[in-house]
Amino acid sequence: GWFTVGEYHELNKTAKQLAGKKVEWRAHNGKTGESYFCFPGGKLHPKDRLIKTVEMTKDLPDLIVFMVNSYVRPTDIKNMQHRHVDVIKKEWTYLRLTLPPSKGHSYPITTMPWAVRVYERICERRMEGMPEGYQIPIDEYVFMPKAASRDDAMKKLQRQFEVVMEMTKLRTSNSGETRTLYSLRHSSIMFRLLYGRAIDTLTLSRNARTSPEMIDRFYAAPLQGEMKVGELQSKRRPRPWE
């Protein structure tokens, strides 16, 4: 499932509000065996048990905005080092992501301008407290570089994302689709299909490291005529001889 623009803003706002706070992940041992998230301090129900305390970080709101503005997969986030990122500020502002091959594709990815702001914010935060002249190592990972391992980094980000989806009630779409971190990539592609000006699926698919067939069969599957009513009702300019 993908997120609408309103849902995306709600996710980002909630992730920012939770950054720096702790949330308890609890299991309810009743008939349903459900788990839930809440802030510490609340009294445990006799049938509930504390599974884990989740520390919310500034990495999550950065991740949400970055993925929606860069077309990347969660595996790209896992493997992304500073050596893979070039900031381009010329006629157009974007990041050129030259990432390790994924799903058989190795094209560089061109991001939206907001991804540049997020990346620069991450770098500024990383430089805080560092001596003058310090440079971030090019082989350092962009997201959660201090995690014990890359698997640990992704588990922490996924758990934080689950907290935000639970608290915003956006874990499931209106059509019943389950949402995960991958939904941010889906949203990125859908936003270009919905709001991009005359972008063709070949360019979009190459930039997103997929195929036009995958765009048509999966990513664009929710696309409906009413979403593009302006294009459906648009008229070409009459030619001089008409």
Protein backbone atom coordinates (compact mmCIF):
# COMPACT_ATOMS: atom_id res chain seq x y z
CA GLY A 1 0.00 0.00 0.00
CA TRP A 2 1.09 3.57 -0.67
CA PHE A 3 0.39 6.78 1.26
CA THR A 4 -1.63 9.74 0.05
CA VAL A 5 -0.01 13.17 0.37
CA GLY A 6 -2.06 13.88 3.49
CA GLU A 7 -1.07 10.57 5.07
CA TYR A 8 2.57 11.18 4.21
CA HIS A 9 2.49 14.56 5.96
CA GLU A 10 0.81 12.95 8.98
CA LEU A 11 3.54 10.30 9.14
CA ASN A 12 6.29 12.90 8.93
CA LYS A 13 4.70 15.18 11.52
CA THR A 14 4.24 12.34 14.01
CA ALA A 15 7.80 11.03 13.45
CA LYS A 16 9.17 14.51 14.20
CA GLN A 17 7.06 14.79 17.37
CA LEU A 18 8.26 11.40 18.62
CA ALA A 19 11.97 11.96 17.86
CA GLY A 20 14.03 11.75 21.06
CA LYS A 21 11.25 10.01 23.04
CA LYS A 22 10.83 6.43 24.21
CA VAL A 23 7.84 4.23 23.44
CA GLU A 24 6.97 0.89 25.03
CA TRP A 25 6.12 -2.08 22.85
CA ARG A 26 3.70 -4.25 24.81
CA ALA A 27 2.02 -7.58 24.10
CA HIS A 28 -1.57 -8.27 25.09
CA ASN A 29 -1.89 -11.91 26.11
CA GLY A 30 -5.64 -12.12 25.72
CA LYS A 31 -7.45 -14.17 23.10
CA THR A 32 -6.17 -12.09 20.17
CA GLY A 33 -2.55 -11.95 21.32
CA GLU A 34 -2.15 -8.45 19.85
CA SER A 35 0.74 -6.09 20.53
CA TYR A 36 0.58 -2.31 20.86
CA PHE A 37 2.76 0.75 21.49
CA CYS A 38 2.34 3.34 24.26
CA PHE A 39 4.36 5.89 26.20
CA PRO A 40 6.16 4.69 29.36
CA GLY A 41 4.47 5.21 32.71
CA GLY A 42 1.10 3.68 31.94
CA LYS A 43 0.04 0.82 34.18
CA LEU A 44 0.39 -2.65 32.66
CA HIS A 45 -2.81 -4.64 32.31
CA PRO A 46 -2.58 -7.97 34.20
CA LYS A 47 -2.62 -9.81 30.86
CA ASP A 48 -0.02 -7.56 29.24
CA ARG A 49 3.75 -7.79 29.23
CA LEU A 50 6.50 -5.39 28.18
CA ILE A 51 8.39 -6.66 25.13
CA LYS A 52 10.78 -3.81 24.48
CA THR A 53 11.33 -0.09 24.83
CA VAL A 54 11.74 1.60 21.44
CA GLU A 55 13.91 4.71 21.25
CA MET A 56 12.63 7.09 18.58
CA THR A 57 15.35 8.98 16.68
CA LYS A 58 15.67 11.86 14.24
CA ASP A 59 16.74 9.29 11.66
CA LEU A 60 13.11 8.25 11.10
CA PRO A 61 11.61 11.58 9.92
CA ASP A 62 14.70 12.01 7.75
CA LEU A 63 14.18 8.52 6.33
CA ILE A 64 10.50 9.13 5.56
CA VAL A 65 11.16 12.34 3.62
CA PHE A 66 14.27 10.94 1.93
CA MET A 67 12.59 7.78 0.63
CA VAL A 68 9.54 9.62 -0.67
CA ASN A 69 11.83 12.01 -2.53
CA SER A 70 14.40 9.55 -3.86
CA TYR A 71 12.63 6.38 -5.18
CA VAL A 72 15.03 4.15 -3.23
CA ARG A 73 14.28 0.75 -1.73
CA PRO A 74 14.84 -0.04 1.98
CA THR A 75 17.83 -2.18 0.95
CA ASP A 76 19.35 0.94 -0.66
CA ILE A 77 18.99 2.78 2.65
CA LYS A 78 20.72 -0.14 4.37
CA ASN A 79 23.73 -0.03 2.04
CA MET A 80 23.99 3.70 1.29
CA GLN A 81 27.35 5.26 2.13
CA HIS A 82 28.43 8.86 1.66
CA ARG A 83 30.59 7.72 -1.28
CA HIS A 84 27.36 6.91 -3.14
CA VAL A 85 25.94 10.45 -2.80
CA ASP A 86 26.76 13.49 -4.92
CA VAL A 87 25.05 16.84 -4.28
CA ILE A 88 24.26 18.62 -7.55
CA LYS A 89 23.32 22.31 -7.45
CA LYS A 90 23.24 23.76 -10.93
CA GLU A 91 20.17 24.54 -13.02
CA TRP A 92 18.46 21.77 -11.04
CA THR A 93 19.08 20.74 -7.44
CA TYR A 94 19.21 17.02 -6.71
CA LEU A 95 21.25 14.14 -5.35
CA ARG A 96 22.89 11.71 -7.73
CA LEU A 97 22.81 8.34 -6.00
CA THR A 98 25.27 5.87 -7.49
CA LEU A 99 24.28 2.92 -5.35
CA PRO A 100 25.31 -0.74 -5.49
CA PRO A 101 23.17 -2.69 -8.01
CA SER A 102 19.73 -3.74 -6.77
CA LYS A 103 17.15 -6.00 -8.43
CA GLY A 104 19.49 -6.29 -11.43
CA HIS A 105 19.59 -2.51 -12.03
CA SER A 106 22.58 -0.19 -11.65
CA TYR A 107 21.37 3.14 -13.08
CA PRO A 108 22.20 6.25 -11.00
CA ILE A 109 19.15 7.69 -9.25
CA THR A 110 18.20 11.37 -9.54
CA THR A 111 16.29 12.59 -6.49
CA MET A 112 13.81 15.37 -5.82
CA PRO A 113 15.15 18.62 -4.23
CA TRP A 114 13.86 17.74 -0.74
CA ALA A 115 16.24 14.78 -0.60
CA VAL A 116 19.12 17.28 -0.80
CA ARG A 117 17.83 19.14 2.26
CA VAL A 118 17.51 15.90 4.21
CA TYR A 119 21.00 14.75 3.28
CA GLU A 120 22.54 18.09 4.23
CA ARG A 121 20.65 18.00 7.54
CA ILE A 122 22.02 14.51 8.25
CA CYS A 123 25.56 15.70 7.50
CA GLU A 124 25.16 18.80 9.70
CA ARG A 125 23.94 16.67 12.59
CA ARG A 126 26.85 14.26 12.09
CA MET A 127 29.34 17.17 12.22
CA GLU A 128 28.04 18.52 15.54
CA GLY A 129 30.79 18.52 18.14
CA MET A 130 33.47 17.54 15.65
CA PRO A 131 36.77 19.50 15.46
CA GLU A 132 37.27 22.07 12.72
CA GLY A 133 38.35 20.49 9.47
CA TYR A 134 36.76 17.11 10.24
CA GLN A 135 35.31 15.33 7.22
CA ILE A 136 32.78 12.51 7.30
CA PRO A 137 34.46 9.29 6.05
CA ILE A 138 33.18 8.41 2.59
CA ASP A 139 32.68 4.77 3.63
CA GLU A 140 30.43 5.71 6.55
CA TYR A 141 26.76 4.81 6.20
CA VAL A 142 24.32 7.69 5.77
CA PHE A 143 21.51 6.36 8.00
CA MET A 144 22.22 5.21 11.56
CA PRO A 145 26.01 4.82 11.08
CA LYS A 146 26.56 3.98 14.74
CA ALA A 147 24.29 0.92 14.73
CA ALA A 148 25.94 -2.39 15.67
CA SER A 149 25.36 -3.73 12.15
CA ARG A 150 23.40 -2.85 9.04
CA ASP A 151 20.76 -5.43 9.94
CA ASP A 152 20.50 -3.82 13.37
CA ALA A 153 20.14 -0.38 11.76
CA MET A 154 17.26 -1.53 9.56
CA LYS A 155 15.52 -3.34 12.43
CA LYS A 156 15.61 -0.16 14.50
CA LEU A 157 14.26 1.98 11.66
CA GLN A 158 11.53 -0.56 10.86
CA ARG A 159 10.47 -0.76 14.50
CA GLN A 160 10.31 3.03 14.76
CA PHE A 161 8.28 3.14 11.56
CA GLU A 162 5.85 0.60 13.00
CA VAL A 163 5.41 2.82 16.06
CA VAL A 164 4.51 5.80 13.88
CA MET A 165 2.11 3.77 11.74
CA GLU A 166 0.42 2.41 14.84
CA MET A 167 0.02 5.83 16.42
CA THR A 168 -1.29 7.39 13.21
CA LYS A 169 -3.56 4.39 12.46
CA LEU A 170 -2.00 4.17 8.99
CA ARG A 171 -0.70 0.60 9.16
CA THR A 172 -3.43 -0.51 6.72
CA SER A 173 -4.71 1.41 3.69
CA ASN A 174 -8.40 2.03 3.01
CA SER A 175 -8.32 -0.86 0.54
CA GLY A 176 -6.89 -3.23 3.16
CA GLU A 177 -3.25 -3.24 2.03
CA THR A 178 -0.57 -3.63 4.70
CA ARG A 179 2.02 -0.87 4.73
CA THR A 180 5.74 -1.22 5.38
CA LEU A 181 8.87 0.85 4.74
CA TYR A 182 8.56 -0.23 1.10
CA SER A 183 5.33 1.79 0.95
CA LEU A 184 7.47 4.95 1.00
CA ARG A 185 9.07 3.90 -2.29
CA HIS A 186 5.65 3.08 -3.72
CA SER A 187 4.45 6.53 -2.65
CA SER A 188 7.46 8.18 -4.29
CA ILE A 189 6.62 6.59 -7.64
CA MET A 190 2.87 7.24 -7.31
CA PHE A 191 3.46 10.93 -6.56
CA ARG A 192 5.42 11.29 -9.80
CA LEU A 193 2.69 9.49 -11.75
CA LEU A 194 0.04 11.71 -10.17
CA TYR A 195 1.79 15.07 -10.00
CA GLY A 196 4.77 14.88 -12.37
CA ARG A 197 4.41 17.00 -15.49
CA ALA A 198 4.32 14.70 -18.52
CA ILE A 199 6.88 12.25 -17.16
CA ASP A 200 7.14 9.05 -19.20
CA THR A 201 7.23 5.63 -17.57
CA LEU A 202 10.53 4.67 -19.22
CA THR A 203 12.38 7.59 -17.58
CA LEU A 204 10.60 7.01 -14.28
CA SER A 205 11.26 3.27 -14.27
CA ARG A 206 14.98 3.67 -15.05
CA ASN A 207 15.36 6.31 -12.37
CA ALA A 208 13.56 4.07 -9.87
CA ARG A 209 15.62 1.05 -10.96
CA THR A 210 12.71 -1.00 -12.15
CA SER A 211 11.00 -1.69 -15.49
CA PRO A 212 8.07 0.00 -17.28
CA GLU A 213 6.20 -3.30 -16.95
CA MET A 214 6.64 -3.27 -13.17
CA ILE A 215 5.47 0.33 -13.04
CA ASP A 216 2.34 -0.56 -15.00
CA ARG A 217 1.55 -3.86 -13.28
CA PHE A 218 2.29 -2.98 -9.67
CA TYR A 219 3.19 0.60 -8.78
CA ALA A 220 0.59 2.21 -11.05
CA ALA A 221 -2.08 -0.38 -10.28
CA PRO A 222 -3.98 2.01 -7.91
CA LEU A 223 -3.98 4.77 -10.53
CA GLN A 224 -7.54 5.67 -11.57
CA GLY A 225 -8.95 8.03 -14.16
CA GLU A 226 -10.37 10.41 -11.56
CA MET A 227 -6.86 10.93 -10.14
CA LYS A 228 -5.78 12.40 -13.48
CA VAL A 229 -9.02 14.06 -14.54
CA GLY A 230 -7.15 17.18 -15.67
CA GLU A 231 -5.12 15.16 -18.15
CA LEU A 232 -8.15 13.20 -19.29
CA GLN A 233 -10.09 16.37 -20.04
CA SER A 234 -7.17 18.37 -21.45
CA LYS A 235 -7.22 19.49 -25.06
CA ARG A 236 -4.37 19.90 -27.47
CA ARG A 237 -3.90 23.27 -29.10
CA PRO A 238 -5.68 23.53 -32.45
CA ARG A 239 -3.37 23.58 -35.41
CA PRO A 240 -3.42 26.69 -37.68
CA TRP A 241 -5.20 24.80 -40.45
CA GLU A 242 -7.94 23.40 -38.18
